[in-house]
Protein backbone atom coordinates (compact mmCIF):
# COMPACT_ATOMS: atom_id res chain seq x y z
CA UNK A 1 0.00 0.00 0.00
CA UNK A 2 1.35 3.44 -0.91
CA UNK A 3 0.28 6.90 0.30
CA UNK A 4 1.25 10.23 -1.21
CA UNK A 5 -0.03 13.79 -1.05
CA UNK A 6 -0.79 15.62 -4.27
CA UNK A 7 -1.45 19.30 -3.55
CA UNK A 8 -4.59 19.35 -1.37
CA UNK A 9 -5.43 15.74 -2.17
CA UNK A 10 -4.12 12.55 -0.63
CA UNK A 11 -4.01 9.28 -2.54
CA UNK A 12 -4.07 5.69 -1.38
CA UNK A 13 -3.66 2.89 -3.90
CA UNK A 14 -3.63 -0.86 -3.74
CA UNK A 15 -5.01 -4.14 -5.03
CA UNK A 16 -8.06 -6.19 -4.09
CA UNK A 17 -7.93 -9.93 -4.73
CA UNK A 18 -10.91 -12.18 -5.44
CA UNK A 19 -11.46 -15.66 -6.87
CA UNK A 20 -10.24 -14.95 -10.39
CA UNK A 21 -9.53 -11.22 -10.52
CA UNK A 22 -7.03 -8.77 -9.09
CA UNK A 23 -8.39 -5.20 -8.99
CA UNK A 24 -6.22 -2.10 -8.89
CA UNK A 25 -7.84 0.85 -7.09
CA UNK A 26 -7.10 4.39 -5.93
CA UNK A 27 -8.80 6.42 -3.20
CA UNK A 28 -8.36 10.19 -3.44
CA UNK A 29 -9.44 12.30 -0.47
CA UNK A 30 -9.24 15.92 0.65
CA UNK A 31 -6.28 16.39 2.96
CA UNK A 32 -8.74 17.46 5.66
CA UNK A 33 -11.75 15.27 4.81
CA UNK A 34 -15.28 15.49 6.13
CA UNK A 35 -15.95 11.95 7.28
CA UNK A 36 -19.68 12.36 6.59
CA UNK A 37 -19.26 12.99 2.86
CA UNK A 38 -20.20 10.07 0.64
CA UNK A 39 -17.50 9.10 -1.90
CA UNK A 40 -18.03 9.15 -5.65
CA UNK A 41 -16.91 6.09 -7.62
CA UNK A 42 -15.64 6.58 -11.18
CA UNK A 43 -16.43 4.00 -13.87
CA UNK A 44 -14.34 4.27 -17.02
CA UNK A 45 -15.40 3.46 -20.56
CA UNK A 46 -14.48 0.63 -22.86
CA UNK A 47 -14.46 -1.88 -21.36
CA UNK A 48 -10.73 -2.40 -21.63
CA UNK A 49 -9.72 1.19 -20.81
CA UNK A 50 -8.08 2.03 -17.50
CA UNK A 51 -9.38 4.57 -15.02
CA UNK A 52 -6.62 6.92 -16.27
CA UNK A 53 -9.10 8.15 -18.88
CA UNK A 54 -10.99 9.93 -16.09
CA UNK A 55 -7.94 11.63 -14.56
CA UNK A 56 -9.40 15.21 -14.48
CA UNK A 57 -12.27 13.98 -12.31
CA UNK A 58 -9.84 13.14 -9.51
CA UNK A 59 -9.92 16.89 -8.82
CA UNK A 60 -13.38 16.36 -7.32
CA UNK A 61 -11.39 14.95 -4.37
CA UNK A 62 -10.70 18.53 -3.33
CA UNK A 63 -14.18 18.43 -1.79
CA UNK A 64 -15.09 14.74 -1.27
CA UNK A 65 -13.52 11.26 -1.55
CA UNK A 66 -13.10 9.91 -5.10
CA UNK A 67 -12.56 6.23 -5.84
CA UNK A 68 -11.23 5.02 -9.17
CA UNK A 69 -10.40 1.48 -10.16
CA UNK A 70 -9.39 -0.50 -13.23
CA UNK A 71 -12.27 -2.71 -14.31
CA UNK A 72 -11.82 -6.34 -15.31
CA UNK A 73 -9.48 -6.63 -18.28
CA UNK A 74 -8.02 -3.14 -18.09
CA UNK A 75 -5.10 -1.19 -16.70
CA UNK A 76 -3.36 -2.84 -13.77
CA UNK A 77 -6.22 -5.22 -13.00
CA UNK A 78 -6.37 -8.80 -14.31
CA UNK A 79 -6.29 -8.69 -18.11
CA UNK A 80 -8.33 -10.49 -20.75
CA UNK A 81 -6.07 -13.53 -21.11
CA UNK A 82 -7.54 -14.81 -17.85
CA UNK A 83 -11.11 -14.84 -19.18
CA UNK A 84 -12.93 -16.83 -21.85
CA UNK A 85 -16.11 -14.78 -21.51
CA UNK A 86 -17.33 -11.66 -19.71
CA UNK A 87 -20.75 -10.33 -18.74
CA UNK A 88 -22.11 -7.21 -17.06
CA UNK A 89 -22.64 -9.39 -13.98
CA UNK A 90 -18.87 -9.96 -13.77
CA UNK A 91 -18.26 -6.21 -13.68
CA UNK A 92 -20.96 -5.71 -11.03
CA UNK A 93 -19.40 -8.48 -8.95
CA UNK A 94 -16.04 -6.71 -9.18
CA UNK A 95 -17.69 -3.41 -8.17
CA UNK A 96 -19.23 -5.17 -5.17
CA UNK A 97 -15.80 -6.50 -4.19
CA UNK A 98 -14.42 -2.95 -4.27
CA UNK A 99 -17.15 -1.38 -2.12
CA UNK A 100 -17.02 -4.34 0.31
CA UNK A 101 -13.23 -4.11 0.68
CA UNK A 102 -13.45 -0.33 1.21
CA UNK A 103 -16.39 -0.74 3.59
CA UNK A 104 -18.76 1.54 1.67
CA UNK A 105 -22.46 1.38 2.43
CA UNK A 106 -23.33 4.35 0.20
CA UNK A 107 -21.79 5.98 -2.85
CA UNK A 108 -22.30 8.33 -5.75
CA UNK A 109 -21.50 6.97 -9.22
CA UNK A 110 -20.06 8.66 -12.29
CA UNK A 111 -19.89 6.49 -15.39
CA UNK A 112 -18.40 7.40 -18.76
CA UNK A 113 -19.52 5.65 -21.98
CA UNK A 114 -19.51 1.89 -21.18
CA UNK A 115 -19.26 3.02 -17.54
CA UNK A 116 -22.82 4.37 -17.81
CA UNK A 117 -24.09 0.89 -18.70
CA UNK A 118 -22.33 -0.47 -15.65
CA UNK A 119 -23.45 2.49 -13.50
CA UNK A 120 -27.13 2.18 -14.43
CA UNK A 121 -27.14 -1.54 -13.71
CA UNK A 122 -25.43 -0.94 -10.34
CA UNK A 123 -28.00 1.73 -9.46
CA UNK A 124 -30.81 -0.68 -10.33
CA UNK A 125 -29.27 -3.48 -8.26
CA UNK A 126 -28.27 -1.30 -5.29
CA UNK A 127 -30.89 1.50 -5.15
CA UNK A 128 -30.55 2.06 -1.40
CA UNK A 129 -26.77 2.47 -1.64
CA UNK A 130 -26.66 4.68 -4.74
CA UNK A 131 -27.12 8.30 -3.61
CA UNK A 132 -26.79 9.86 -7.07
CA UNK A 133 -25.85 9.00 -10.61
CA UNK A 134 -23.86 10.93 -13.22
CA UNK A 135 -24.16 9.52 -16.74
CA UNK A 136 -21.50 10.91 -19.09
CA UNK A 137 -21.70 10.14 -22.83
CA UNK A 138 -23.66 6.98 -22.12
CA UNK A 139 -25.63 4.24 -23.85
CA UNK A 140 -29.26 3.40 -23.07
CA UNK A 141 -30.37 1.69 -26.31
CA UNK A 142 -27.60 0.34 -28.54
CA UNK A 143 -29.83 -0.24 -31.60
CA UNK A 144 -31.24 3.30 -31.48
CA UNK A 145 -27.71 4.62 -31.01
CA UNK A 146 -26.55 2.92 -34.22
CA UNK A 147 -29.61 4.25 -36.08
CA UNK A 148 -29.04 7.79 -34.79
CA UNK A 149 -25.43 7.70 -35.95
CA UNK A 150 -26.63 7.62 -39.58
CA UNK A 151 -28.44 10.96 -39.19
CA UNK A 152 -25.47 12.32 -37.24
CA UNK A 153 -23.10 11.40 -40.07
CA UNK A 154 -25.34 13.08 -42.63
CA UNK A 155 -25.57 16.28 -40.60
CA UNK A 156 -22.03 16.67 -39.27
CA UNK A 157 -19.53 14.64 -41.30
CA UNK A 158 -17.41 16.75 -43.68
CA UNK A 159 -17.62 15.85 -47.38
CA UNK A 160 -14.27 14.06 -47.52
CA UNK A 161 -15.15 11.86 -44.55
CA UNK A 162 -18.51 11.02 -46.15
CA UNK A 163 -16.73 10.12 -49.40
CA UNK A 164 -14.32 7.69 -47.74
CA UNK A 165 -17.09 6.16 -45.63
CA UNK A 166 -19.27 5.62 -48.74
CA UNK A 167 -16.39 3.91 -50.55
CA UNK A 168 -15.83 1.63 -47.58
CA UNK A 169 -19.55 0.79 -47.20
CA UNK A 170 -19.84 0.13 -50.96
CA UNK A 171 -16.98 -2.36 -50.80
CA UNK A 172 -14.63 -0.14 -52.79
CA UNK A 173 -11.00 -0.46 -51.74
CA UNK A 174 -9.84 2.35 -49.48
CA UNK A 175 -6.10 2.95 -49.32
CA UNK A 176 -4.35 2.78 -45.96
CA UNK A 177 -3.48 6.49 -46.21
CA UNK A 178 -7.11 7.40 -46.93
CA UNK A 179 -8.31 5.25 -44.03
CA UNK A 180 -5.77 6.68 -41.58
CA UNK A 181 -6.63 10.23 -42.59
CA UNK A 182 -10.36 9.52 -42.23
CA UNK A 183 -9.93 7.94 -38.79
CA UNK A 184 -7.81 10.84 -37.60
CA UNK A 185 -10.37 13.35 -38.89
CA UNK A 186 -13.22 11.45 -37.23
CA UNK A 187 -11.37 11.23 -33.90
CA UNK A 188 -10.48 14.93 -33.92
CA UNK A 189 -14.08 15.97 -34.59
CA UNK A 190 -16.31 13.35 -32.99
CA UNK A 191 -14.23 11.43 -30.42
CA UNK A 192 -12.08 14.00 -28.62
CA UNK A 193 -11.87 17.55 -29.97
CA UNK A 194 -8.93 18.49 -27.75
CA UNK A 195 -5.29 17.48 -28.02
CA UNK A 196 -4.94 14.14 -26.27
CA UNK A 197 -3.33 14.58 -22.84
CA UNK A 198 -0.59 12.10 -21.99
CA UNK A 199 -2.80 10.04 -19.66
CA UNK A 200 -5.43 9.52 -22.37
CA UNK A 201 -2.83 8.49 -24.95
CA UNK A 202 -1.35 6.03 -22.46
CA UNK A 203 -4.78 4.60 -21.67
CA UNK A 204 -5.68 4.22 -25.36
CA UNK A 205 -2.32 2.62 -26.14
CA UNK A 206 -2.83 0.20 -23.24
CA UNK A 207 -6.42 -0.67 -24.14
CA UNK A 208 -7.24 -4.36 -23.82
CA UNK A 209 -9.03 -4.97 -27.12
CA UNK A 210 -9.96 -8.56 -26.29
CA UNK A 211 -11.83 -7.39 -23.17
CA UNK A 212 -13.68 -4.93 -25.37
CA UNK A 213 -14.53 -7.66 -27.87
CA UNK A 214 -15.77 -10.02 -25.16
CA UNK A 215 -18.51 -7.46 -24.47
CA UNK A 216 -19.13 -5.67 -27.78
CA UNK A 217 -18.51 -8.33 -30.43
CA UNK A 218 -22.05 -9.51 -31.34
CA UNK A 219 -20.77 -13.02 -32.05
CA UNK A 220 -19.18 -13.35 -28.60
CA UNK A 221 -21.89 -11.43 -26.68
CA UNK A 222 -25.22 -11.43 -28.49
CA UNK A 223 -27.01 -9.72 -25.59
CA UNK A 224 -25.07 -6.47 -26.04
CA UNK A 225 -26.07 -6.22 -29.70
CA UNK A 226 -29.63 -5.64 -28.47
CA UNK A 227 -28.83 -3.85 -25.20
CA UNK A 228 -31.74 -1.62 -24.18
CA UNK A 229 -32.28 -0.50 -20.60
CA UNK A 230 -34.90 2.16 -21.42
CA UNK A 231 -37.83 0.20 -20.00
CA UNK A 232 -36.13 0.13 -16.57
CA UNK A 233 -34.93 3.71 -16.34
CA UNK A 234 -38.10 4.75 -14.49
CA UNK A 235 -36.94 2.50 -11.62
CA UNK A 236 -34.02 4.85 -10.93
CA UNK A 237 -35.16 7.24 -8.23
CA UNK A 238 -31.87 8.85 -7.19
CA UNK A 239 -30.99 12.31 -8.56
CA UNK A 240 -29.25 11.91 -11.92
CA UNK A 241 -27.08 14.27 -13.95
CA UNK A 242 -26.79 13.47 -17.65
CA UNK A 243 -23.76 14.91 -19.46
CA UNK A 244 -23.18 14.84 -23.22
CA UNK A 245 -21.14 16.50 -25.95
CA UNK A 246 -22.90 18.03 -28.93
CA UNK A 247 -20.47 16.40 -31.38
CA UNK A 248 -20.21 13.00 -29.70
CA UNK A 249 -20.17 10.49 -32.55
CA UNK A 250 -20.29 7.49 -30.20
CA UNK A 251 -23.31 7.95 -27.90
CA UNK A 252 -25.62 9.61 -30.40
CA UNK A 253 -29.15 10.42 -29.22
CA UNK A 254 -28.73 8.69 -25.87
CA UNK A 255 -28.85 11.67 -23.49
CA UNK A 256 -32.47 12.31 -24.47
CA UNK A 257 -33.39 8.69 -23.72
CA UNK A 258 -31.84 8.90 -20.25
CA UNK A 259 -33.43 12.28 -19.53
CA UNK A 260 -36.88 11.05 -20.59
CA UNK A 261 -36.65 7.75 -18.74
CA UNK A 262 -35.20 8.95 -15.42
CA UNK A 263 -37.70 11.33 -13.88
CA UNK A 264 -35.36 12.89 -11.31
CA UNK A 265 -32.77 13.94 -13.87
CA UNK A 266 -31.40 16.89 -15.78
CA UNK A 267 -29.26 17.12 -18.90
CA UNK A 268 -26.22 19.30 -19.54
CA UNK A 269 -24.85 19.47 -23.09
CA UNK A 270 -21.31 20.70 -23.78
CA UNK A 271 -21.47 22.48 -27.11
CA UNK A 272 -17.75 22.29 -27.92
CA UNK A 273 -17.27 18.64 -27.00
CA UNK A 274 -17.52 15.16 -28.45
CA UNK A 275 -17.12 11.97 -26.37
CA UNK A 276 -14.65 13.30 -23.77
CA UNK A 277 -16.26 16.46 -22.38
CA UNK A 278 -14.32 16.04 -19.14
CA UNK A 279 -11.15 16.64 -21.19
CA UNK A 280 -12.44 18.92 -23.97
CA UNK A 281 -14.19 21.32 -21.59
CA UNK A 282 -12.51 20.22 -18.39
CA UNK A 283 -13.18 23.22 -16.14
CA UNK A 284 -16.84 23.50 -17.12
CA UNK A 285 -17.34 19.77 -16.69
CA UNK A 286 -15.79 19.61 -13.22
CA UNK A 287 -17.74 22.70 -12.17
CA UNK A 288 -20.98 20.96 -13.17
CA UNK A 289 -20.04 17.78 -11.28
CA UNK A 290 -19.01 19.64 -8.12
CA UNK A 291 -22.16 21.77 -8.27
CA UNK A 292 -24.35 18.69 -8.63
CA UNK A 293 -22.66 16.90 -5.73
CA UNK A 294 -22.68 19.97 -3.48
CA UNK A 295 -26.26 19.26 -2.47
CA UNK A 296 -25.40 15.83 -1.08
CA UNK A 297 -23.74 14.53 2.05
């Protein structure tokens, strides 16, 4: 176990062992913490991406405890070679191991992208323990998301990107240079519109693609191809903050579904952001999160 002080924040890090998984975690706390304040737990996207992707949100620990951990098959936790299959239930079990080890009976949750899927399912399974929910660039209905992307592409994609995409979809050979240029253009406009900070580049370079495929490949996990939690969103009673970027090309049309389905919710859209608003508009994003949490113990 290692402790170190970073400005006004103290960090504790370590590992939690279970039957078939080792989980890396970090606890960030104000140097002079209020013991009554409920911690917020960060759930990264992917799956397969480490909690490094949410680094700016550790600044919330200036006012309350923040817990971040590497989910199954990511970062410093047990990687995909140890698993032949994965399910949402496996990720919830890991979450339960974390809160049990850290002796948490209540928590706030902030999930990003895939982390919203995990966060919503945790809130539904542990309604008495979940004090609030922050859903950032999330997915509620995967099929509707894919359908909405078509309209998004028509409205926002530049002509050159549309041209390359049409060639690809029509089965026309696309050169490696064309493909690389198109991917870079897409990422700069609709994935993250800011220069990638070092921690994001490191997380993306260290992504466990097999973990990601064990969840998102429709051949390996048919259930996710039809994932739709909309009919259960009305069961979420805790206050919920929905965050989205106007130019997010991943979670298209999903914020509206969350906002309609969860009655005690409000939606904040970041007009200069894509999928990583907490990086693209970092100060505004953290201000919104701190303001939302300010009303809670």
